[in-house]
């Protein structure tokens, strides 16, 4: 599934990475505990779903090489997090759905969640 399709499905606002919206993803990894994210194996075509908005989320996403970050619950990431994501050319999306609902929607659409 392409990131642009995910954005449509989740009615998400695109905060950055507009040029990479045709990137294909096959897995969604959702957590608010970054140590769990780091210890969970994920493929090379995953997106990170989280309600955390700090800089560490972007650093974690960079370390596990996800294709995008989707912030849930309408929680807008901090400006330094958005700035770093832009530097890394990492797409950032924002949805009002909660983490559980976002995972369920993506799973119904065919992503491994």
C-alpha atoms as a PDB file:
ATOM      1  CA  UNK A   1       0.000   0.000   0.000  1.00  0.00           C
ATOM      2  CA  UNK A   2       1.338   3.449  -0.879  1.00  0.00           C
ATOM      3  CA  UNK A   3       1.745   6.157   1.761  1.00  0.00           C
ATOM      4  CA  UNK A   4      -0.679   8.404  -0.112  1.00  0.00           C
ATOM      5  CA  UNK A   5      -3.322   5.646   0.115  1.00  0.00           C
ATOM      6  CA  UNK A   6      -2.659   5.321   3.836  1.00  0.00           C
ATOM      7  CA  UNK A   7      -3.064   9.088   4.247  1.00  0.00           C
ATOM      8  CA  UNK A   8      -6.428   8.908   2.464  1.00  0.00           C
ATOM      9  CA  UNK A   9      -7.581   5.891   4.469  1.00  0.00           C
ATOM     10  CA  UNK A  10      -6.708   7.540   7.784  1.00  0.00           C
ATOM     11  CA  UNK A  11      -7.872  11.003   6.709  1.00  0.00           C
ATOM     12  CA  UNK A  12      -4.372  12.074   7.712  1.00  0.00           C
ATOM     13  CA  UNK A  13      -2.718  15.438   7.345  1.00  0.00           C
ATOM     14  CA  UNK A  14       0.655  15.231   5.613  1.00  0.00           C
ATOM     15  CA  UNK A  15       3.168  17.270   7.613  1.00  0.00           C
ATOM     16  CA  UNK A  16       6.243  16.419   5.557  1.00  0.00           C
ATOM     17  CA  UNK A  17       7.724  14.097   2.980  1.00  0.00           C
ATOM     18  CA  UNK A  18       5.274  14.929   0.200  1.00  0.00           C
ATOM     19  CA  UNK A  19       7.709  13.711  -2.455  1.00  0.00           C
ATOM     20  CA  UNK A  20       7.831  10.213  -0.945  1.00  0.00           C
ATOM     21  CA  UNK A  21       4.108   9.499  -0.820  1.00  0.00           C
ATOM     22  CA  UNK A  22       4.378   6.854  -3.533  1.00  0.00           C
ATOM     23  CA  UNK A  23       6.558   4.715  -1.256  1.00  0.00           C
ATOM     24  CA  UNK A  24       5.097   1.244  -0.780  1.00  0.00           C
ATOM     25  CA  UNK A  25       4.687  -0.147   2.730  1.00  0.00           C
ATOM     26  CA  UNK A  26       3.544  -3.568   3.882  1.00  0.00           C
ATOM     27  CA  UNK A  27       3.694  -3.354   7.670  1.00  0.00           C
ATOM     28  CA  UNK A  28       2.576  -1.032  10.458  1.00  0.00           C
ATOM     29  CA  UNK A  29       4.367  -1.027  13.792  1.00  0.00           C
ATOM     30  CA  UNK A  30       2.399   0.741  16.527  1.00  0.00           C
ATOM     31  CA  UNK A  31       3.638   1.592  20.013  1.00  0.00           C
ATOM     32  CA  UNK A  32       4.098   4.427  22.475  1.00  0.00           C
ATOM     33  CA  UNK A  33       7.079   2.657  24.040  1.00  0.00           C
ATOM     34  CA  UNK A  34      10.167   3.219  21.914  1.00  0.00           C
ATOM     35  CA  UNK A  35      12.149   0.427  23.611  1.00  0.00           C
ATOM     36  CA  UNK A  36       9.464  -1.981  22.370  1.00  0.00           C
ATOM     37  CA  UNK A  37       9.772  -0.547  18.880  1.00  0.00           C
ATOM     38  CA  UNK A  38      13.527  -1.073  18.930  1.00  0.00           C
ATOM     39  CA  UNK A  39      13.180  -4.680  20.044  1.00  0.00           C
ATOM     40  CA  UNK A  40      10.390  -5.640  17.626  1.00  0.00           C
ATOM     41  CA  UNK A  41      11.553  -6.994  14.293  1.00  0.00           C
ATOM     42  CA  UNK A  42      10.009  -5.225  11.341  1.00  0.00           C
ATOM     43  CA  UNK A  43      10.504  -5.454   7.626  1.00  0.00           C
ATOM     44  CA  UNK A  44      12.091  -2.814   5.480  1.00  0.00           C
ATOM     45  CA  UNK A  45       8.709  -1.495   4.332  1.00  0.00           C
ATOM     46  CA  UNK A  46       7.123  -0.490   7.633  1.00  0.00           C
ATOM     47  CA  UNK A  47       5.534   2.640   9.058  1.00  0.00           C
ATOM     48  CA  UNK A  48       5.720   3.634  12.716  1.00  0.00           C
ATOM     49  CA  UNK A  49       2.482   4.573  14.486  1.00  0.00           C
ATOM     50  CA  UNK A  50       2.713   6.432  17.786  1.00  0.00           C
ATOM     51  CA  UNK A  51       1.103   8.977  20.055  1.00  0.00           C
ATOM     52  CA  UNK A  52       4.470  10.246  21.268  1.00  0.00           C
ATOM     53  CA  UNK A  53       5.516  13.578  19.782  1.00  0.00           C
ATOM     54  CA  UNK A  54       9.124  14.050  20.821  1.00  0.00           C
ATOM     55  CA  UNK A  55      12.425  13.954  18.979  1.00  0.00           C
ATOM     56  CA  UNK A  56      13.185  10.413  20.187  1.00  0.00           C
ATOM     57  CA  UNK A  57      10.390   9.063  17.987  1.00  0.00           C
ATOM     58  CA  UNK A  58      12.149  10.368  14.882  1.00  0.00           C
ATOM     59  CA  UNK A  59      15.503   9.032  16.102  1.00  0.00           C
ATOM     60  CA  UNK A  60      13.910   5.624  16.713  1.00  0.00           C
ATOM     61  CA  UNK A  61      12.289   5.672  13.258  1.00  0.00           C
ATOM     62  CA  UNK A  62      15.676   6.444  11.742  1.00  0.00           C
ATOM     63  CA  UNK A  63      17.338   3.575  13.625  1.00  0.00           C
ATOM     64  CA  UNK A  64      14.830   0.949  12.496  1.00  0.00           C
ATOM     65  CA  UNK A  65      14.618   2.431   8.989  1.00  0.00           C
ATOM     66  CA  UNK A  66      10.842   2.857   8.708  1.00  0.00           C
ATOM     67  CA  UNK A  67       9.365   4.554   5.659  1.00  0.00           C
ATOM     68  CA  UNK A  68       7.180   7.051   7.554  1.00  0.00           C
ATOM     69  CA  UNK A  69       5.892   8.092  10.957  1.00  0.00           C
ATOM     70  CA  UNK A  70       2.177   8.389  11.587  1.00  0.00           C
ATOM     71  CA  UNK A  71       1.267  10.360  14.692  1.00  0.00           C
ATOM     72  CA  UNK A  72      -2.093   9.303  16.125  1.00  0.00           C
ATOM     73  CA  UNK A  73      -4.785  10.865  18.341  1.00  0.00           C
ATOM     74  CA  UNK A  74      -4.338  14.227  16.626  1.00  0.00           C
ATOM     75  CA  UNK A  75      -1.141  14.812  18.585  1.00  0.00           C
ATOM     76  CA  UNK A  76       0.998  17.113  16.504  1.00  0.00           C
ATOM     77  CA  UNK A  77       4.718  16.375  16.812  1.00  0.00           C
ATOM     78  CA  UNK A  78       7.016  18.972  18.284  1.00  0.00           C
ATOM     79  CA  UNK A  79       8.651  21.361  15.838  1.00  0.00           C
ATOM     80  CA  UNK A  80      12.117  19.862  16.371  1.00  0.00           C
ATOM     81  CA  UNK A  81      10.745  16.411  15.521  1.00  0.00           C
ATOM     82  CA  UNK A  82       9.205  17.693  12.291  1.00  0.00           C
ATOM     83  CA  UNK A  83      12.422  19.515  11.430  1.00  0.00           C
ATOM     84  CA  UNK A  84      14.541  16.381  11.939  1.00  0.00           C
ATOM     85  CA  UNK A  85      12.108  14.248   9.921  1.00  0.00           C
ATOM     86  CA  UNK A  86      12.381  16.740   7.065  1.00  0.00           C
ATOM     87  CA  UNK A  87      16.189  16.605   7.261  1.00  0.00           C
ATOM     88  CA  UNK A  88      15.983  12.814   7.046  1.00  0.00           C
ATOM     89  CA  UNK A  89      13.432  13.016   4.206  1.00  0.00           C
ATOM     90  CA  UNK A  90      11.065  10.955   6.346  1.00  0.00           C
ATOM     91  CA  UNK A  91       7.344  11.405   5.629  1.00  0.00           C
ATOM     92  CA  UNK A  92       5.238  12.469   8.606  1.00  0.00           C
ATOM     93  CA  UNK A  93       1.471  12.011   8.785  1.00  0.00           C
ATOM     94  CA  UNK A  94      -1.017  13.039  11.452  1.00  0.00           C
ATOM     95  CA  UNK A  95      -4.350  11.291  12.042  1.00  0.00           C
ATOM     96  CA  UNK A  96      -7.070  11.842  14.616  1.00  0.00           C
ATOM     97  CA  UNK A  97      -7.648   8.089  15.001  1.00  0.00           C
ATOM     98  CA  UNK A  98      -6.305   6.423  18.151  1.00  0.00           C
ATOM     99  CA  UNK A  99      -3.489   3.899  17.908  1.00  0.00           C
ATOM    100  CA  UNK A 100      -5.757   0.848  18.143  1.00  0.00           C
ATOM    101  CA  UNK A 101      -8.175   2.142  15.545  1.00  0.00           C
ATOM    102  CA  UNK A 102      -5.336   3.134  13.199  1.00  0.00           C
ATOM    103  CA  UNK A 103      -3.827  -0.354  13.446  1.00  0.00           C
ATOM    104  CA  UNK A 104      -7.242  -1.929  12.789  1.00  0.00           C
ATOM    105  CA  UNK A 105      -7.889   0.243   9.726  1.00  0.00           C
ATOM    106  CA  UNK A 106      -4.479  -0.556   8.265  1.00  0.00           C
ATOM    107  CA  UNK A 107      -4.886  -4.259   8.966  1.00  0.00           C
ATOM    108  CA  UNK A 108      -8.291  -4.285   7.241  1.00  0.00           C
ATOM    109  CA  UNK A 109      -6.630  -2.608   4.261  1.00  0.00           C
ATOM    110  CA  UNK A 110      -4.102  -5.437   4.027  1.00  0.00           C
ATOM    111  CA  UNK A 111      -1.095  -4.245   6.000  1.00  0.00           C
ATOM    112  CA  UNK A 112       0.574  -6.471   8.537  1.00  0.00           C
ATOM    113  CA  UNK A 113      -0.100  -4.743  11.857  1.00  0.00           C
END
